[in-house]
C-alpha cells in the first residue's frame, strides 16, 4: 500500500469515505495540522523579501523554519495513525482459544492501544504548536495573505480537538490506570485555554481585514 502522503487528494477522500476503517479521523486530525503549518509557511513565503515587511523578516524566516519542520512531523503522523490502528486490529484478530492465547491477545491489545493513544496525543501537541505559530503569522504576516493565517489557526484547532477525541476513546479501553492518568493530564495541559487563544488569533486576523 502506498503512503497516504503520496496519494492524490481525490483518492485520499475516496478511501476516507469508504468502508475501510483507515484512513480515518486520526489521519484527518494530523492532516488538518499539516495544512495549518503549510498555511503558516505560505504566509511567511509571501512576507519574506517584501520591503514593507523588512522589520519582521528575521522573525518570518525563523517562523518558516519552524512551520516546515512541524509540517513534516504532522505528515508523518498521518501515516503513523494508520499504522497503529492496523496493529490494533491485528491484535484483536489474534487467536483466543486457550488461556495462554487469551492472555497473550489481551497483552498485545493493551500494548497496541497505548500506541494508538500516543499518536493522537502527539498530534494534539503538534496542532497546539501550529496554533502558536499561526499567532506569529497573524501578528507579522503580510496583509495580502493575513486571512490565510486565520485559516491556519482554525485548521490547527480542528486537528487538535479531533485528536483529543481519539485520545479519549482509546484511554477508555486501557487497563493501565497510571498510563491513562498521565496521558489525560498531558492532554488537559495541551487543551488548557486553547479556545481562548484561538479566538484571540482569529480576532487579530479579523481586525486586519
C-alpha atoms as a PDB file:
ATOM      1  CA  UNK A   1       0.000   0.000   0.000  1.00  0.00           C
ATOM      2  CA  UNK A   2       1.364   3.407  -0.981  1.00  0.00           C
ATOM      3  CA  UNK A   3       1.870   6.095   1.623  1.00  0.00           C
ATOM      4  CA  UNK A   4      -1.093   8.385   2.187  1.00  0.00           C
ATOM      5  CA  UNK A   5       1.103  11.408   1.533  1.00  0.00           C
ATOM      6  CA  UNK A   6       1.810  10.113  -1.969  1.00  0.00           C
ATOM      7  CA  UNK A   7      -1.855   9.855  -2.939  1.00  0.00           C
ATOM      8  CA  UNK A   8      -3.997  12.455  -4.665  1.00  0.00           C
ATOM      9  CA  UNK A   9      -6.499  14.390  -2.582  1.00  0.00           C
ATOM     10  CA  UNK A  10      -9.320  12.742  -4.504  1.00  0.00           C
ATOM     11  CA  UNK A  11      -8.045   9.224  -3.812  1.00  0.00           C
ATOM     12  CA  UNK A  12      -7.487  10.040  -0.138  1.00  0.00           C
ATOM     13  CA  UNK A  13     -11.056  11.315   0.180  1.00  0.00           C
ATOM     14  CA  UNK A  14     -12.406   8.262  -1.653  1.00  0.00           C
ATOM     15  CA  UNK A  15     -10.630   5.991   0.836  1.00  0.00           C
ATOM     16  CA  UNK A  16     -11.782   8.177   3.721  1.00  0.00           C
ATOM     17  CA  UNK A  17     -15.395   7.803   2.589  1.00  0.00           C
ATOM     18  CA  UNK A  18     -15.162   4.054   2.044  1.00  0.00           C
ATOM     19  CA  UNK A  19     -15.998   1.185   4.393  1.00  0.00           C
ATOM     20  CA  UNK A  20     -12.313   0.822   5.264  1.00  0.00           C
ATOM     21  CA  UNK A  21     -11.568   1.987   8.827  1.00  0.00           C
ATOM     22  CA  UNK A  22      -8.328   3.596   7.641  1.00  0.00           C
ATOM     23  CA  UNK A  23      -7.642   6.328   6.903  1.00  0.00           C
ATOM     24  CA  UNK A  24      -9.973   7.805   9.474  1.00  0.00           C
ATOM     25  CA  UNK A  25     -10.366  10.644  11.918  1.00  0.00           C
ATOM     26  CA  UNK A  26      -6.864  10.291  13.291  1.00  0.00           C
ATOM     27  CA  UNK A  27      -5.267  10.795   9.899  1.00  0.00           C
ATOM     28  CA  UNK A  28      -7.568  13.725   9.212  1.00  0.00           C
ATOM     29  CA  UNK A  29      -6.545  15.326  12.512  1.00  0.00           C
ATOM     30  CA  UNK A  30      -2.900  15.184  11.500  1.00  0.00           C
ATOM     31  CA  UNK A  31      -3.755  16.413   8.009  1.00  0.00           C
ATOM     32  CA  UNK A  32      -5.552  19.445   9.423  1.00  0.00           C
ATOM     33  CA  UNK A  33      -2.476  20.212  11.496  1.00  0.00           C
ATOM     34  CA  UNK A  34      -0.216  19.806   8.461  1.00  0.00           C
ATOM     35  CA  UNK A  35      -2.467  22.105   6.451  1.00  0.00           C
ATOM     36  CA  UNK A  36      -2.172  24.691   9.206  1.00  0.00           C
ATOM     37  CA  UNK A  37       1.613  24.504   9.166  1.00  0.00           C
ATOM     38  CA  UNK A  38       1.623  24.779   5.373  1.00  0.00           C
ATOM     39  CA  UNK A  39      -0.576  27.879   5.515  1.00  0.00           C
ATOM     40  CA  UNK A  40       1.790  29.462   8.028  1.00  0.00           C
ATOM     41  CA  UNK A  41       4.648  28.705   5.639  1.00  0.00           C
ATOM     42  CA  UNK A  42       2.736  30.351   2.810  1.00  0.00           C
ATOM     43  CA  UNK A  43       2.219  33.496   4.859  1.00  0.00           C
ATOM     44  CA  UNK A  44       5.941  33.531   5.606  1.00  0.00           C
ATOM     45  CA  UNK A  45       6.960  32.985   1.983  1.00  0.00           C
ATOM     46  CA  UNK A  46       4.725  35.819   0.824  1.00  0.00           C
ATOM     47  CA  UNK A  47       6.043  38.179   3.507  1.00  0.00           C
ATOM     48  CA  UNK A  48       9.780  37.468   3.335  1.00  0.00           C
ATOM     49  CA  UNK A  49      11.567  39.695   0.830  1.00  0.00           C
ATOM     50  CA  UNK A  50       8.886  42.380   0.759  1.00  0.00           C
ATOM     51  CA  UNK A  51      10.324  45.853   1.538  1.00  0.00           C
ATOM     52  CA  UNK A  52       7.217  46.760   3.504  1.00  0.00           C
ATOM     53  CA  UNK A  53       7.926  43.939   5.977  1.00  0.00           C
ATOM     54  CA  UNK A  54      11.704  44.190   6.269  1.00  0.00           C
ATOM     55  CA  UNK A  55      11.460  44.806  10.015  1.00  0.00           C
ATOM     56  CA  UNK A  56       9.846  41.389  10.589  1.00  0.00           C
ATOM     57  CA  UNK A  57      11.844  39.454   8.001  1.00  0.00           C
ATOM     58  CA  UNK A  58      14.111  37.727  10.538  1.00  0.00           C
ATOM     59  CA  UNK A  59      11.033  36.726  12.543  1.00  0.00           C
ATOM     60  CA  UNK A  60       9.321  35.322   9.465  1.00  0.00           C
ATOM     61  CA  UNK A  61      12.402  33.398   8.364  1.00  0.00           C
ATOM     62  CA  UNK A  62      12.564  31.772  11.791  1.00  0.00           C
ATOM     63  CA  UNK A  63       8.830  31.085  11.678  1.00  0.00           C
ATOM     64  CA  UNK A  64       9.126  29.477   8.255  1.00  0.00           C
ATOM     65  CA  UNK A  65      11.815  27.095   9.511  1.00  0.00           C
ATOM     66  CA  UNK A  66       9.616  26.036  12.404  1.00  0.00           C
ATOM     67  CA  UNK A  67       6.427  25.682  10.358  1.00  0.00           C
ATOM     68  CA  UNK A  68       8.134  23.497   7.773  1.00  0.00           C
ATOM     69  CA  UNK A  69       9.610  21.237  10.464  1.00  0.00           C
ATOM     70  CA  UNK A  70       6.171  20.966  12.052  1.00  0.00           C
ATOM     71  CA  UNK A  71       4.528  20.191   8.707  1.00  0.00           C
ATOM     72  CA  UNK A  72       6.938  17.312   8.204  1.00  0.00           C
ATOM     73  CA  UNK A  73       6.180  15.975  11.678  1.00  0.00           C
ATOM     74  CA  UNK A  74       2.436  16.098  11.130  1.00  0.00           C
ATOM     75  CA  UNK A  75       2.710  14.423   7.729  1.00  0.00           C
ATOM     76  CA  UNK A  76       4.483  11.526   9.429  1.00  0.00           C
ATOM     77  CA  UNK A  77       1.662  11.325  11.981  1.00  0.00           C
ATOM     78  CA  UNK A  78      -0.888  10.811   9.192  1.00  0.00           C
ATOM     79  CA  UNK A  79       0.744   7.501   8.306  1.00  0.00           C
ATOM     80  CA  UNK A  80       1.518   6.669  11.924  1.00  0.00           C
ATOM     81  CA  UNK A  81      -2.191   6.788  12.740  1.00  0.00           C
ATOM     82  CA  UNK A  82      -2.970   4.205  10.057  1.00  0.00           C
ATOM     83  CA  UNK A  83      -0.079   2.009  11.182  1.00  0.00           C
ATOM     84  CA  UNK A  84      -1.098   1.976  14.839  1.00  0.00           C
ATOM     85  CA  UNK A  85      -4.731   1.268  14.003  1.00  0.00           C
ATOM     86  CA  UNK A  86      -3.715  -1.653  11.789  1.00  0.00           C
ATOM     87  CA  UNK A  87      -1.582  -3.017  14.641  1.00  0.00           C
ATOM     88  CA  UNK A  88      -4.542  -2.747  16.991  1.00  0.00           C
ATOM     89  CA  UNK A  89      -6.810  -4.610  14.581  1.00  0.00           C
ATOM     90  CA  UNK A  90      -4.157  -7.301  14.196  1.00  0.00           C
ATOM     91  CA  UNK A  91      -4.033  -7.685  17.974  1.00  0.00           C
ATOM     92  CA  UNK A  92      -7.810  -8.080  18.159  1.00  0.00           C
ATOM     93  CA  UNK A  93      -7.532 -10.769  15.484  1.00  0.00           C
ATOM     94  CA  UNK A  94      -5.146 -12.949  17.488  1.00  0.00           C
ATOM     95  CA  UNK A  95      -6.376 -16.434  18.499  1.00  0.00           C
ATOM     96  CA  UNK A  96      -8.153 -16.769  21.838  1.00  0.00           C
ATOM     97  CA  UNK A  97      -8.889 -20.449  22.243  1.00  0.00           C
ATOM     98  CA  UNK A  98      -6.603 -21.289  25.154  1.00  0.00           C
ATOM     99  CA  UNK A  99      -5.962 -19.366  28.361  1.00  0.00           C
ATOM    100  CA  UNK A 100      -2.418 -18.720  27.171  1.00  0.00           C
ATOM    101  CA  UNK A 101      -3.673 -17.325  23.865  1.00  0.00           C
ATOM    102  CA  UNK A 102      -6.227 -15.165  25.646  1.00  0.00           C
ATOM    103  CA  UNK A 103      -3.559 -13.709  27.916  1.00  0.00           C
ATOM    104  CA  UNK A 104      -1.203 -13.025  25.015  1.00  0.00           C
ATOM    105  CA  UNK A 105      -4.007 -11.446  22.985  1.00  0.00           C
ATOM    106  CA  UNK A 106      -5.016  -9.216  25.886  1.00  0.00           C
ATOM    107  CA  UNK A 107      -1.422  -8.065  26.407  1.00  0.00           C
ATOM    108  CA  UNK A 108      -0.959  -7.297  22.712  1.00  0.00           C
ATOM    109  CA  UNK A 109      -4.230  -5.357  22.582  1.00  0.00           C
ATOM    110  CA  UNK A 110      -3.213  -3.238  25.555  1.00  0.00           C
ATOM    111  CA  UNK A 111       0.196  -2.611  24.036  1.00  0.00           C
ATOM    112  CA  UNK A 112      -1.377  -1.576  20.718  1.00  0.00           C
ATOM    113  CA  UNK A 113      -3.900   0.639  22.490  1.00  0.00           C
ATOM    114  CA  UNK A 114      -1.093   2.555  24.172  1.00  0.00           C
ATOM    115  CA  UNK A 115       0.478   3.249  20.798  1.00  0.00           C
ATOM    116  CA  UNK A 116      -2.926   4.165  19.358  1.00  0.00           C
ATOM    117  CA  UNK A 117      -3.288   6.651  22.220  1.00  0.00           C
ATOM    118  CA  UNK A 118       0.199   8.118  21.961  1.00  0.00           C
ATOM    119  CA  UNK A 119      -0.109   9.011  18.274  1.00  0.00           C
ATOM    120  CA  UNK A 120      -3.180  11.264  18.647  1.00  0.00           C
ATOM    121  CA  UNK A 121      -1.653  12.774  21.784  1.00  0.00           C
ATOM    122  CA  UNK A 122       1.439  13.637  19.740  1.00  0.00           C
ATOM    123  CA  UNK A 123      -0.863  15.005  17.062  1.00  0.00           C
ATOM    124  CA  UNK A 124      -2.719  17.173  19.579  1.00  0.00           C
ATOM    125  CA  UNK A 125       0.588  18.585  20.834  1.00  0.00           C
ATOM    126  CA  UNK A 126       1.723  19.296  17.271  1.00  0.00           C
ATOM    127  CA  UNK A 127      -1.570  21.015  16.432  1.00  0.00           C
ATOM    128  CA  UNK A 128      -1.218  23.136  19.574  1.00  0.00           C
ATOM    129  CA  UNK A 129       2.200  24.167  18.307  1.00  0.00           C
ATOM    130  CA  UNK A 130       0.642  25.036  14.940  1.00  0.00           C
ATOM    131  CA  UNK A 131      -1.803  27.317  16.759  1.00  0.00           C
ATOM    132  CA  UNK A 132       1.119  29.136  18.380  1.00  0.00           C
ATOM    133  CA  UNK A 133       2.850  29.509  15.022  1.00  0.00           C
ATOM    134  CA  UNK A 134      -0.321  30.853  13.443  1.00  0.00           C
ATOM    135  CA  UNK A 135      -0.381  33.605  16.069  1.00  0.00           C
ATOM    136  CA  UNK A 136       3.056  34.729  14.913  1.00  0.00           C
ATOM    137  CA  UNK A 137       1.871  34.657  11.300  1.00  0.00           C
ATOM    138  CA  UNK A 138      -1.219  36.665  12.207  1.00  0.00           C
ATOM    139  CA  UNK A 139       0.839  39.242  14.099  1.00  0.00           C
ATOM    140  CA  UNK A 140       3.532  39.795  11.466  1.00  0.00           C
ATOM    141  CA  UNK A 141       2.391  38.387   8.134  1.00  0.00           C
ATOM    142  CA  UNK A 142       1.666  40.373   5.002  1.00  0.00           C
ATOM    143  CA  UNK A 143      -1.840  41.780   4.952  1.00  0.00           C
ATOM    144  CA  UNK A 144      -2.249  40.366   1.457  1.00  0.00           C
ATOM    145  CA  UNK A 145      -2.435  36.859   2.941  1.00  0.00           C
ATOM    146  CA  UNK A 146      -3.481  37.613   6.509  1.00  0.00           C
ATOM    147  CA  UNK A 147      -6.740  35.678   6.091  1.00  0.00           C
ATOM    148  CA  UNK A 148      -4.630  32.569   5.498  1.00  0.00           C
ATOM    149  CA  UNK A 149      -3.169  32.966   8.975  1.00  0.00           C
ATOM    150  CA  UNK A 150      -6.763  32.813  10.194  1.00  0.00           C
ATOM    151  CA  UNK A 151      -7.394  29.684   8.161  1.00  0.00           C
ATOM    152  CA  UNK A 152      -4.232  28.221   9.674  1.00  0.00           C
ATOM    153  CA  UNK A 153      -5.385  28.660  13.253  1.00  0.00           C
ATOM    154  CA  UNK A 154      -8.823  27.227  12.560  1.00  0.00           C
ATOM    155  CA  UNK A 155      -7.376  24.192  10.790  1.00  0.00           C
ATOM    156  CA  UNK A 156      -4.992  23.545  13.683  1.00  0.00           C
ATOM    157  CA  UNK A 157      -7.817  23.947  16.180  1.00  0.00           C
ATOM    158  CA  UNK A 158      -9.922  21.386  14.339  1.00  0.00           C
ATOM    159  CA  UNK A 159      -7.000  18.988  14.253  1.00  0.00           C
ATOM    160  CA  UNK A 160      -6.303  19.411  17.959  1.00  0.00           C
ATOM    161  CA  UNK A 161      -9.874  18.865  19.111  1.00  0.00           C
ATOM    162  CA  UNK A 162     -10.292  15.881  16.792  1.00  0.00           C
ATOM    163  CA  UNK A 163      -7.062  14.310  18.011  1.00  0.00           C
ATOM    164  CA  UNK A 164      -8.241  14.764  21.594  1.00  0.00           C
ATOM    165  CA  UNK A 165     -11.327  12.665  20.845  1.00  0.00           C
ATOM    166  CA  UNK A 166      -9.101   9.811  19.692  1.00  0.00           C
ATOM    167  CA  UNK A 167      -7.114  10.016  22.912  1.00  0.00           C
ATOM    168  CA  UNK A 168     -10.308   9.823  24.952  1.00  0.00           C
ATOM    169  CA  UNK A 169     -11.787   6.859  23.084  1.00  0.00           C
ATOM    170  CA  UNK A 170      -8.600   4.806  23.365  1.00  0.00           C
ATOM    171  CA  UNK A 171      -7.905   5.548  27.031  1.00  0.00           C
ATOM    172  CA  UNK A 172     -11.384   4.218  27.809  1.00  0.00           C
ATOM    173  CA  UNK A 173     -10.165   0.736  26.829  1.00  0.00           C
ATOM    174  CA  UNK A 174      -6.831   0.839  28.634  1.00  0.00           C
ATOM    175  CA  UNK A 175      -6.297  -1.059  31.885  1.00  0.00           C
ATOM    176  CA  UNK A 176      -3.100   0.743  32.910  1.00  0.00           C
ATOM    177  CA  UNK A 177      -4.627   3.452  35.094  1.00  0.00           C
ATOM    178  CA  UNK A 178      -1.284   5.161  35.700  1.00  0.00           C
ATOM    179  CA  UNK A 179      -0.678   5.493  31.946  1.00  0.00           C
ATOM    180  CA  UNK A 180      -4.205   6.806  31.445  1.00  0.00           C
ATOM    181  CA  UNK A 181      -3.820   9.364  34.223  1.00  0.00           C
ATOM    182  CA  UNK A 182      -0.538  10.698  32.841  1.00  0.00           C
ATOM    183  CA  UNK A 183      -1.875  10.758  29.273  1.00  0.00           C
ATOM    184  CA  UNK A 184      -5.051  12.642  30.156  1.00  0.00           C
ATOM    185  CA  UNK A 185      -3.083  15.097  32.279  1.00  0.00           C
ATOM    186  CA  UNK A 186      -0.842  15.823  29.292  1.00  0.00           C
ATOM    187  CA  UNK A 187      -3.869  16.294  27.066  1.00  0.00           C
ATOM    188  CA  UNK A 188      -5.544  18.599  29.597  1.00  0.00           C
ATOM    189  CA  UNK A 189      -2.407  20.744  29.634  1.00  0.00           C
ATOM    190  CA  UNK A 190      -2.483  20.985  25.834  1.00  0.00           C
ATOM    191  CA  UNK A 191      -6.169  21.917  25.793  1.00  0.00           C
ATOM    192  CA  UNK A 192      -5.993  24.447  28.628  1.00  0.00           C
ATOM    193  CA  UNK A 193      -7.142  27.884  27.412  1.00  0.00           C
ATOM    194  CA  UNK A 194      -6.712  26.844  23.768  1.00  0.00           C
ATOM    195  CA  UNK A 195     -10.239  28.004  22.903  1.00  0.00           C
ATOM    196  CA  UNK A 196      -9.369  31.469  24.179  1.00  0.00           C
ATOM    197  CA  UNK A 197      -6.094  31.556  22.261  1.00  0.00           C
ATOM    198  CA  UNK A 198      -7.749  30.501  19.014  1.00  0.00           C
ATOM    199  CA  UNK A 199     -10.439  33.162  19.344  1.00  0.00           C
ATOM    200  CA  UNK A 200      -7.800  35.818  20.074  1.00  0.00           C
ATOM    201  CA  UNK A 201      -5.844  34.871  16.953  1.00  0.00           C
ATOM    202  CA  UNK A 202      -8.991  34.763  14.854  1.00  0.00           C
ATOM    203  CA  UNK A 203      -9.988  38.230  16.036  1.00  0.00           C
ATOM    204  CA  UNK A 204      -6.459  39.534  15.380  1.00  0.00           C
ATOM    205  CA  UNK A 205      -6.856  38.432  11.789  1.00  0.00           C
ATOM    206  CA  UNK A 206     -10.413  39.734  11.551  1.00  0.00           C
ATOM    207  CA  UNK A 207      -9.324  43.186  12.709  1.00  0.00           C
ATOM    208  CA  UNK A 208      -6.770  43.392   9.896  1.00  0.00           C
ATOM    209  CA  UNK A 209      -9.191  42.591   7.076  1.00  0.00           C
END
